[in-house]
PDB file of all heavy atoms in Angstrom:
ATOM      1  N   ALA A   1     -28.073  17.407  -3.229  1.00  0.00           N
ATOM      2  CA  ALA A   1     -29.052  18.476  -3.325  1.00  0.00           C
ATOM      3  C   ALA A   1     -28.858  19.365  -2.120  1.00  0.00           C
ATOM      4  O   ALA A   1     -28.534  18.967  -1.065  1.00  0.00           O
ATOM      5  CB  ALA A   1     -30.489  17.874  -3.264  1.00  0.00           C
ATOM      6  N   ASP A   2     -29.111  20.717  -2.350  1.00  0.00           N
ATOM      7  CA  ASP A   2     -28.951  21.660  -1.256  1.00  0.00           C
ATOM      8  C   ASP A   2     -29.805  21.285  -0.027  1.00  0.00           C
ATOM      9  O   ASP A   2     -29.366  21.554   1.124  1.00  0.00           O
ATOM     10  CB  ASP A   2     -29.320  23.024  -1.750  1.00  0.00           C
ATOM     11  CG  ASP A   2     -28.302  23.630  -2.704  1.00  0.00           C
ATOM     12  OD1 ASP A   2     -27.159  23.128  -2.758  1.00  0.00           O
ATOM     13  OD2 ASP A   2     -28.655  24.585  -3.417  1.00  0.00           O
ATOM     14  N   SER A   3     -30.904  20.733  -0.273  1.00  0.00           N
ATOM     15  CA  SER A   3     -31.887  20.436   0.814  1.00  0.00           C
ATOM     16  C   SER A   3     -31.383  19.355   1.775  1.00  0.00           C
ATOM     17  O   SER A   3     -31.897  19.206   2.881  1.00  0.00           O
ATOM     18  CB  SER A   3     -33.226  20.000   0.273  1.00  0.00           C
ATOM     19  OG  SER A   3     -33.099  18.928  -0.595  1.00  0.00           O
ATOM     20  N   VAL A   4     -30.381  18.589   1.386  1.00  0.00           N
ATOM     21  CA  VAL A   4     -29.917  17.470   2.166  1.00  0.00           C
ATOM     22  C   VAL A   4     -28.433  17.618   2.573  1.00  0.00           C
ATOM     23  O   VAL A   4     -27.969  16.792   3.344  1.00  0.00           O
ATOM     24  CB  VAL A   4     -30.133  16.057   1.499  1.00  0.00           C
ATOM     25  CG1 VAL A   4     -31.555  15.902   1.078  1.00  0.00           C
ATOM     26  CG2 VAL A   4     -29.176  15.898   0.311  1.00  0.00           C
ATOM     27  N   LYS A   5     -27.758  18.610   2.072  1.00  0.00           N
ATOM     28  CA  LYS A   5     -26.338  18.827   2.422  1.00  0.00           C
ATOM     29  C   LYS A   5     -26.153  18.958   3.886  1.00  0.00           C
ATOM     30  O   LYS A   5     -26.916  19.648   4.582  1.00  0.00           O
ATOM     31  CB  LYS A   5     -25.822  20.065   1.707  1.00  0.00           C
ATOM     32  CG  LYS A   5     -25.468  19.859   0.280  1.00  0.00           C
ATOM     33  CD  LYS A   5     -24.962  21.133  -0.376  1.00  0.00           C
ATOM     34  CE  LYS A   5     -24.648  20.951  -1.837  1.00  0.00           C
ATOM     35  NZ  LYS A   5     -24.122  22.183  -2.488  1.00  0.00           N
ATOM     36  N   GLY A   6     -25.138  18.239   4.393  1.00  0.00           N
ATOM     37  CA  GLY A   6     -24.885  18.310   5.797  1.00  0.00           C
ATOM     38  C   GLY A   6     -25.682  17.315   6.645  1.00  0.00           C
ATOM     39  O   GLY A   6     -25.373  17.133   7.824  1.00  0.00           O
ATOM     40  N   ARG A   7     -26.720  16.719   6.056  1.00  0.00           N
ATOM     41  CA  ARG A   7     -27.551  15.740   6.757  1.00  0.00           C
ATOM     42  C   ARG A   7     -27.474  14.339   6.189  1.00  0.00           C
ATOM     43  O   ARG A   7     -27.552  13.367   6.936  1.00  0.00           O
ATOM     44  CB  ARG A   7     -29.030  16.211   6.718  1.00  0.00           C
ATOM     45  CG  ARG A   7     -29.244  17.584   7.405  1.00  0.00           C
ATOM     46  CD  ARG A   7     -30.764  17.831   7.448  1.00  0.00           C
ATOM     47  NE  ARG A   7     -31.409  17.903   6.188  1.00  0.00           N
ATOM     48  CZ  ARG A   7     -32.459  17.141   5.798  1.00  0.00           C
ATOM     49  NH1 ARG A   7     -32.929  16.249   6.652  1.00  0.00           N
ATOM     50  NH2 ARG A   7     -33.046  17.254   4.582  1.00  0.00           N
ATOM     51  N   PHE A   8     -27.322  14.232   4.896  1.00  0.00           N
ATOM     52  CA  PHE A   8     -27.227  12.941   4.230  1.00  0.00           C
ATOM     53  C   PHE A   8     -25.835  12.698   3.730  1.00  0.00           C
ATOM     54  O   PHE A   8     -25.133  13.627   3.331  1.00  0.00           O
ATOM     55  CB  PHE A   8     -28.196  12.961   2.993  1.00  0.00           C
ATOM     56  CG  PHE A   8     -29.639  13.005   3.285  1.00  0.00           C
ATOM     57  CD1 PHE A   8     -30.121  13.243   4.603  1.00  0.00           C
ATOM     58  CD2 PHE A   8     -30.611  12.719   2.295  1.00  0.00           C
ATOM     59  CE1 PHE A   8     -31.479  13.221   4.863  1.00  0.00           C
ATOM     60  CE2 PHE A   8     -31.923  12.723   2.569  1.00  0.00           C
ATOM     61  CZ  PHE A   8     -32.348  13.006   3.868  1.00  0.00           C
ATOM     62  N   THR A   9     -25.490  11.395   3.688  1.00  0.00           N
ATOM     63  CA  THR A   9     -24.180  10.982   3.193  1.00  0.00           C
ATOM     64  C   THR A   9     -24.336   9.773   2.275  1.00  0.00           C
ATOM     65  O   THR A   9     -24.870   8.806   2.687  1.00  0.00           O
ATOM     66  CB  THR A   9     -23.155  10.669   4.300  1.00  0.00           C
ATOM     67  OG1 THR A   9     -23.048  11.734   5.216  1.00  0.00           O
ATOM     68  CG2 THR A   9     -21.822  10.268   3.757  1.00  0.00           C
ATOM     69  N   ILE A  10     -23.843   9.929   1.090  1.00  0.00           N
ATOM     70  CA  ILE A  10     -23.888   8.797   0.130  1.00  0.00           C
ATOM     71  C   ILE A  10     -22.545   8.109   0.122  1.00  0.00           C
ATOM     72  O   ILE A  10     -21.490   8.761   0.244  1.00  0.00           O
ATOM     73  CB  ILE A  10     -24.234   9.353  -1.340  1.00  0.00           C
ATOM     74  CG1 ILE A  10     -24.496   8.161  -2.256  1.00  0.00           C
ATOM     75  CG2 ILE A  10     -23.146  10.255  -1.876  1.00  0.00           C
ATOM     76  CD1 ILE A  10     -25.074   8.560  -3.616  1.00  0.00           C
ATOM     77  N   SER A  11     -22.588   6.795   0.047  1.00  0.00           N
ATOM     78  CA  SER A  11     -21.321   5.987   0.012  1.00  0.00           C
ATOM     79  C   SER A  11     -21.544   4.736  -0.755  1.00  0.00           C
ATOM     80  O   SER A  11     -22.704   4.416  -1.095  1.00  0.00           O
ATOM     81  CB  SER A  11     -20.821   5.745   1.433  1.00  0.00           C
ATOM     82  OG  SER A  11     -21.789   4.957   2.110  1.00  0.00           O
ATOM     83  N   ARG A  12     -20.457   4.027  -1.038  1.00  0.00           N
ATOM     84  CA  ARG A  12     -20.599   2.768  -1.742  1.00  0.00           C
ATOM     85  C   ARG A  12     -19.526   1.764  -1.287  1.00  0.00           C
ATOM     86  O   ARG A  12     -18.469   2.205  -0.825  1.00  0.00           O
ATOM     87  CB  ARG A  12     -20.489   2.918  -3.275  1.00  0.00           C
ATOM     88  CG  ARG A  12     -19.197   3.696  -3.685  1.00  0.00           C
ATOM     89  CD  ARG A  12     -19.305   4.169  -5.131  1.00  0.00           C
ATOM     90  NE  ARG A  12     -19.107   3.119  -6.062  1.00  0.00           N
ATOM     91  CZ  ARG A  12     -19.221   3.325  -7.406  1.00  0.00           C
ATOM     92  NH1 ARG A  12     -19.585   4.531  -7.886  1.00  0.00           N
ATOM     93  NH2 ARG A  12     -19.051   2.330  -8.239  1.00  0.00           N
ATOM     94  N   ASP A  13     -19.902   0.539  -1.246  1.00  0.00           N
ATOM     95  CA  ASP A  13     -18.975  -0.550  -0.800  1.00  0.00           C
ATOM     96  C   ASP A  13     -18.836  -1.435  -2.078  1.00  0.00           C
ATOM     97  O   ASP A  13     -19.692  -2.213  -2.408  1.00  0.00           O
ATOM     98  CB  ASP A  13     -19.564  -1.303   0.366  1.00  0.00           C
ATOM     99  CG  ASP A  13     -18.615  -2.401   0.887  1.00  0.00           C
ATOM    100  OD1 ASP A  13     -17.792  -2.887   0.095  1.00  0.00           O
ATOM    101  OD2 ASP A  13     -18.682  -2.645   2.111  1.00  0.00           O
ATOM    102  N   ASN A  14     -17.715  -1.248  -2.744  1.00  0.00           N
ATOM    103  CA  ASN A  14     -17.473  -1.979  -4.025  1.00  0.00           C
ATOM    104  C   ASN A  14     -17.460  -3.497  -3.732  1.00  0.00           C
ATOM    105  O   ASN A  14     -17.929  -4.257  -4.642  1.00  0.00           O
ATOM    106  CB  ASN A  14     -16.206  -1.527  -4.659  1.00  0.00           C
ATOM    107  CG  ASN A  14     -16.358  -0.064  -5.126  1.00  0.00           C
ATOM    108  OD1 ASN A  14     -17.438   0.429  -5.407  1.00  0.00           O
ATOM    109  ND2 ASN A  14     -15.177   0.591  -5.200  1.00  0.00           N
ATOM    110  N   ALA A  15     -16.908  -3.909  -2.657  1.00  0.00           N
ATOM    111  CA  ALA A  15     -16.835  -5.342  -2.380  1.00  0.00           C
ATOM    112  C   ALA A  15     -18.215  -6.018  -2.223  1.00  0.00           C
ATOM    113  O   ALA A  15     -18.408  -7.206  -2.509  1.00  0.00           O
ATOM    114  CB  ALA A  15     -16.002  -5.596  -1.110  1.00  0.00           C
ATOM    115  N   LYS A  16     -19.159  -5.232  -1.763  1.00  0.00           N
ATOM    116  CA  LYS A  16     -20.535  -5.729  -1.500  1.00  0.00           C
ATOM    117  C   LYS A  16     -21.461  -5.343  -2.629  1.00  0.00           C
ATOM    118  O   LYS A  16     -22.653  -5.666  -2.583  1.00  0.00           O
ATOM    119  CB  LYS A  16     -21.040  -5.215  -0.202  1.00  0.00           C
ATOM    120  CG  LYS A  16     -20.278  -5.733   1.032  1.00  0.00           C
ATOM    121  CD  LYS A  16     -20.945  -5.188   2.338  1.00  0.00           C
ATOM    122  CE  LYS A  16     -20.195  -5.791   3.564  1.00  0.00           C
ATOM    123  NZ  LYS A  16     -20.781  -5.308   4.828  1.00  0.00           N
ATOM    124  N   ASN A  17     -21.000  -4.601  -3.627  1.00  0.00           N
ATOM    125  CA  ASN A  17     -21.780  -4.126  -4.723  1.00  0.00           C
ATOM    126  C   ASN A  17     -23.021  -3.380  -4.200  1.00  0.00           C
ATOM    127  O   ASN A  17     -24.181  -3.605  -4.664  1.00  0.00           O
ATOM    128  CB  ASN A  17     -22.201  -5.267  -5.631  1.00  0.00           C
ATOM    129  CG  ASN A  17     -21.054  -5.834  -6.406  1.00  0.00           C
ATOM    130  OD1 ASN A  17     -20.118  -5.163  -6.740  1.00  0.00           O
ATOM    131  ND2 ASN A  17     -21.104  -7.188  -6.570  1.00  0.00           N
ATOM    132  N   THR A  18     -22.842  -2.515  -3.188  1.00  0.00           N
ATOM    133  CA  THR A  18     -23.924  -1.922  -2.535  1.00  0.00           C
ATOM    134  C   THR A  18     -23.600  -0.450  -2.361  1.00  0.00           C
ATOM    135  O   THR A  18     -22.496  -0.020  -2.047  1.00  0.00           O
ATOM    136  CB  THR A  18     -24.197  -2.520  -1.179  1.00  0.00           C
ATOM    137  OG1 THR A  18     -24.498  -3.959  -1.356  1.00  0.00           O
ATOM    138  CG2 THR A  18     -25.370  -1.835  -0.448  1.00  0.00           C
ATOM    139  N   MET A  19     -24.623   0.383  -2.559  1.00  0.00           N
ATOM    140  CA  MET A  19     -24.583   1.845  -2.320  1.00  0.00           C
ATOM    141  C   MET A  19     -25.465   2.156  -1.091  1.00  0.00           C
ATOM    142  O   MET A  19     -26.459   1.482  -0.882  1.00  0.00           O
ATOM    143  CB  MET A  19     -25.069   2.586  -3.556  1.00  0.00           C
ATOM    144  CG  MET A  19     -25.081   4.054  -3.367  1.00  0.00           C
ATOM    145  SD  MET A  19     -25.654   4.934  -4.874  1.00  0.00           S
ATOM    146  CE  MET A  19     -27.332   4.390  -4.944  1.00  0.00           C
ATOM    147  N   TYR A  20     -25.084   3.162  -0.362  1.00  0.00           N
ATOM    148  CA  TYR A  20     -25.805   3.526   0.835  1.00  0.00           C
ATOM    149  C   TYR A  20     -26.194   4.986   0.831  1.00  0.00           C
ATOM    150  O   TYR A  20     -25.561   5.813   0.169  1.00  0.00           O
ATOM    151  CB  TYR A  20     -24.979   3.258   2.071  1.00  0.00           C
ATOM    152  CG  TYR A  20     -24.530   1.841   2.242  1.00  0.00           C
ATOM    153  CD1 TYR A  20     -23.221   1.454   1.821  1.00  0.00           C
ATOM    154  CD2 TYR A  20     -25.339   0.822   2.720  1.00  0.00           C
ATOM    155  CE1 TYR A  20     -22.766   0.126   1.903  1.00  0.00           C
ATOM    156  CE2 TYR A  20     -24.879  -0.473   2.854  1.00  0.00           C
ATOM    157  CZ  TYR A  20     -23.626  -0.792   2.410  1.00  0.00           C
ATOM    158  OH  TYR A  20     -23.213  -2.113   2.534  1.00  0.00           O
ATOM    159  N   LEU A  21     -27.241   5.310   1.597  1.00  0.00           N
ATOM    160  CA  LEU A  21     -27.571   6.698   1.859  1.00  0.00           C
ATOM    161  C   LEU A  21     -27.818   6.788   3.366  1.00  0.00           C
ATOM    162  O   LEU A  21     -28.854   6.301   3.833  1.00  0.00           O
ATOM    163  CB  LEU A  21     -28.778   7.156   1.076  1.00  0.00           C
ATOM    164  CG  LEU A  21     -29.121   8.640   1.192  1.00  0.00           C
ATOM    165  CD1 LEU A  21     -28.001   9.511   0.592  1.00  0.00           C
ATOM    166  CD2 LEU A  21     -30.479   8.970   0.601  1.00  0.00           C
ATOM    167  N   GLN A  22     -26.949   7.406   4.066  1.00  0.00           N
ATOM    168  CA  GLN A  22     -27.152   7.634   5.521  1.00  0.00           C
ATOM    169  C   GLN A  22     -27.908   8.956   5.643  1.00  0.00           C
ATOM    170  O   GLN A  22     -27.410  10.021   5.194  1.00  0.00           O
ATOM    171  CB  GLN A  22     -25.804   7.749   6.237  1.00  0.00           C
ATOM    172  CG  GLN A  22     -25.910   8.015   7.726  1.00  0.00           C
ATOM    173  CD  GLN A  22     -26.634   6.934   8.501  1.00  0.00           C
ATOM    174  OE1 GLN A  22     -26.336   5.766   8.320  1.00  0.00           O
ATOM    175  NE2 GLN A  22     -27.515   7.300   9.365  1.00  0.00           N
ATOM    176  N   MET A  23     -29.051   8.917   6.274  1.00  0.00           N
ATOM    177  CA  MET A  23     -29.880  10.073   6.413  1.00  0.00           C
ATOM    178  C   MET A  23     -30.023  10.401   7.911  1.00  0.00           C
ATOM    179  O   MET A  23     -30.559   9.602   8.680  1.00  0.00           O
ATOM    180  CB  MET A  23     -31.243   9.793   5.819  1.00  0.00           C
ATOM    181  CG  MET A  23     -31.192   9.374   4.349  1.00  0.00           C
ATOM    182  SD  MET A  23     -32.796   9.210   3.606  1.00  0.00           S
ATOM    183  CE  MET A  23     -33.542   7.899   4.527  1.00  0.00           C
ATOM    184  N   ASN A  24     -29.574  11.599   8.295  1.00  0.00           N
ATOM    185  CA  ASN A  24     -29.636  12.032   9.686  1.00  0.00           C
ATOM    186  C   ASN A  24     -30.471  13.261   9.724  1.00  0.00           C
ATOM    187  O   ASN A  24     -30.721  13.954   8.761  1.00  0.00           O
ATOM    188  CB  ASN A  24     -28.242  12.326  10.180  1.00  0.00           C
ATOM    189  CG  ASN A  24     -27.372  11.084  10.258  1.00  0.00           C
ATOM    190  OD1 ASN A  24     -27.807  10.001  10.430  1.00  0.00           O
ATOM    191  ND2 ASN A  24     -26.072  11.296   9.995  1.00  0.00           N
ATOM    192  N   SER A  25     -30.873  13.663  10.961  1.00  0.00           N
ATOM    193  CA  SER A  25     -31.686  14.869  11.204  1.00  0.00           C
ATOM    194  C   SER A  25     -32.859  14.954  10.187  1.00  0.00           C
ATOM    195  O   SER A  25     -33.067  15.961   9.582  1.00  0.00           O
ATOM    196  CB  SER A  25     -30.786  16.074  11.103  1.00  0.00           C
ATOM    197  OG  SER A  25     -29.716  16.001  11.963  1.00  0.00           O
ATOM    198  N   LEU A  26     -33.603  13.863  10.098  1.00  0.00           N
ATOM    199  CA  LEU A  26     -34.671  13.795   9.122  1.00  0.00           C
ATOM    200  C   LEU A  26     -35.837  14.760   9.460  1.00  0.00           C
ATOM    201  O   LEU A  26     -36.056  15.033  10.643  1.00  0.00           O
ATOM    202  CB  LEU A  26     -35.192  12.384   9.026  1.00  0.00           C
ATOM    203  CG  LEU A  26     -34.314  11.416   8.283  1.00  0.00           C
ATOM    204  CD1 LEU A  26     -34.623  10.005   8.591  1.00  0.00           C
ATOM    205  CD2 LEU A  26     -34.477  11.724   6.760  1.00  0.00           C
ATOM    206  N   LYS A  27     -36.398  15.292   8.356  1.00  0.00           N
ATOM    207  CA  LYS A  27     -37.464  16.284   8.482  1.00  0.00           C
ATOM    208  C   LYS A  27     -38.710  15.731   7.787  1.00  0.00           C
ATOM    209  O   LYS A  27     -38.588  14.875   6.928  1.00  0.00           O
ATOM    210  CB  LYS A  27     -37.000  17.596   7.809  1.00  0.00           C
ATOM    211  CG  LYS A  27     -35.743  18.235   8.298  1.00  0.00           C
ATOM    212  CD  LYS A  27     -35.341  19.388   7.486  1.00  0.00           C
ATOM    213  CE  LYS A  27     -34.043  20.011   7.977  1.00  0.00           C
ATOM    214  NZ  LYS A  27     -33.687  21.218   7.125  1.00  0.00           N
ATOM    215  N   PRO A  28     -39.867  16.236   8.122  1.00  0.00           N
ATOM    216  CA  PRO A  28     -41.087  15.807   7.403  1.00  0.00           C
ATOM    217  C   PRO A  28     -40.987  15.948   5.961  1.00  0.00           C
ATOM    218  O   PRO A  28     -41.519  15.115   5.227  1.00  0.00           O
ATOM    219  CB  PRO A  28     -42.204  16.722   8.004  1.00  0.00           C
ATOM    220  CG  PRO A  28     -41.678  17.102   9.407  1.00  0.00           C
ATOM    221  CD  PRO A  28     -40.165  17.199   9.206  1.00  0.00           C
ATOM    222  N   GLU A  29     -40.321  16.992   5.459  1.00  0.00           N
ATOM    223  CA  GLU A  29     -40.201  17.136   4.019  1.00  0.00           C
ATOM    224  C   GLU A  29     -39.282  16.161   3.328  1.00  0.00           C
ATOM    225  O   GLU A  29     -39.197  16.133   2.115  1.00  0.00           O
ATOM    226  CB  GLU A  29     -39.735  18.575   3.692  1.00  0.00           C
ATOM    227  CG  GLU A  29     -38.532  19.035   4.403  1.00  0.00           C
ATOM    228  CD  GLU A  29     -38.828  19.846   5.669  1.00  0.00           C
ATOM    229  OE1 GLU A  29     -39.758  19.446   6.448  1.00  0.00           O
ATOM    230  OE2 GLU A  29     -38.135  20.835   5.925  1.00  0.00           O
ATOM    231  N   ASP A  30     -38.645  15.361   4.051  1.00  0.00           N
ATOM    232  CA  ASP A  30     -37.869  14.199   3.504  1.00  0.00           C
ATOM    233  C   ASP A  30     -38.724  13.029   3.198  1.00  0.00           C
ATOM    234  O   ASP A  30     -38.260  12.038   2.578  1.00  0.00           O
ATOM    235  CB  ASP A  30     -36.744  13.755   4.485  1.00  0.00           C
ATOM    236  CG  ASP A  30     -35.709  14.920   4.724  1.00  0.00           C
ATOM    237  OD1 ASP A  30     -35.321  15.533   3.743  1.00  0.00           O
ATOM    238  OD2 ASP A  30     -35.285  15.011   5.863  1.00  0.00           O
ATOM    239  N   THR A  31     -39.958  13.041   3.597  1.00  0.00           N
ATOM    240  CA  THR A  31     -40.918  11.929   3.346  1.00  0.00           C
ATOM    241  C   THR A  31     -41.097  11.833   1.803  1.00  0.00           C
ATOM    242  O   THR A  31     -41.397  12.760   1.102  1.00  0.00           O
ATOM    243  CB  THR A  31     -42.281  12.237   3.946  1.00  0.00           C
ATOM    244  OG1 THR A  31     -42.114  12.215   5.384  1.00  0.00           O
ATOM    245  CG2 THR A  31     -43.307  11.164   3.529  1.00  0.00           C
ATOM    246  N   ALA A  32     -40.828  10.638   1.286  1.00  0.00           N
ATOM    247  CA  ALA A  32     -40.914  10.322  -0.145  1.00  0.00           C
ATOM    248  C   ALA A  32     -40.542   8.859  -0.323  1.00  0.00           C
ATOM    249  O   ALA A  32     -40.128   8.188   0.540  1.00  0.00           O
ATOM    250  CB  ALA A  32     -39.917  11.195  -0.885  1.00  0.00           C
ATOM    251  N   VAL A  33     -40.748   8.436  -1.589  1.00  0.00           N
ATOM    252  CA  VAL A  33     -40.230   7.166  -2.036  1.00  0.00           C
ATOM    253  C   VAL A  33     -38.831   7.438  -2.609  1.00  0.00           C
ATOM    254  O   VAL A  33     -38.644   8.320  -3.441  1.00  0.00           O
ATOM    255  CB  VAL A  33     -41.104   6.485  -3.107  1.00  0.00           C
ATOM    256  CG1 VAL A  33     -40.484   5.198  -3.564  1.00  0.00           C
ATOM    257  CG2 VAL A  33     -42.505   6.309  -2.571  1.00  0.00           C
TER     258      VAL A  33
END
């Protein structure tokens, strides 16, 4: 999403069957479930 470009990074580890979301430079408007 445009609102998170440059701040968030999505990745996945196939060996661990896990997906990640690294969130940096968090803002109040990122508050959510």
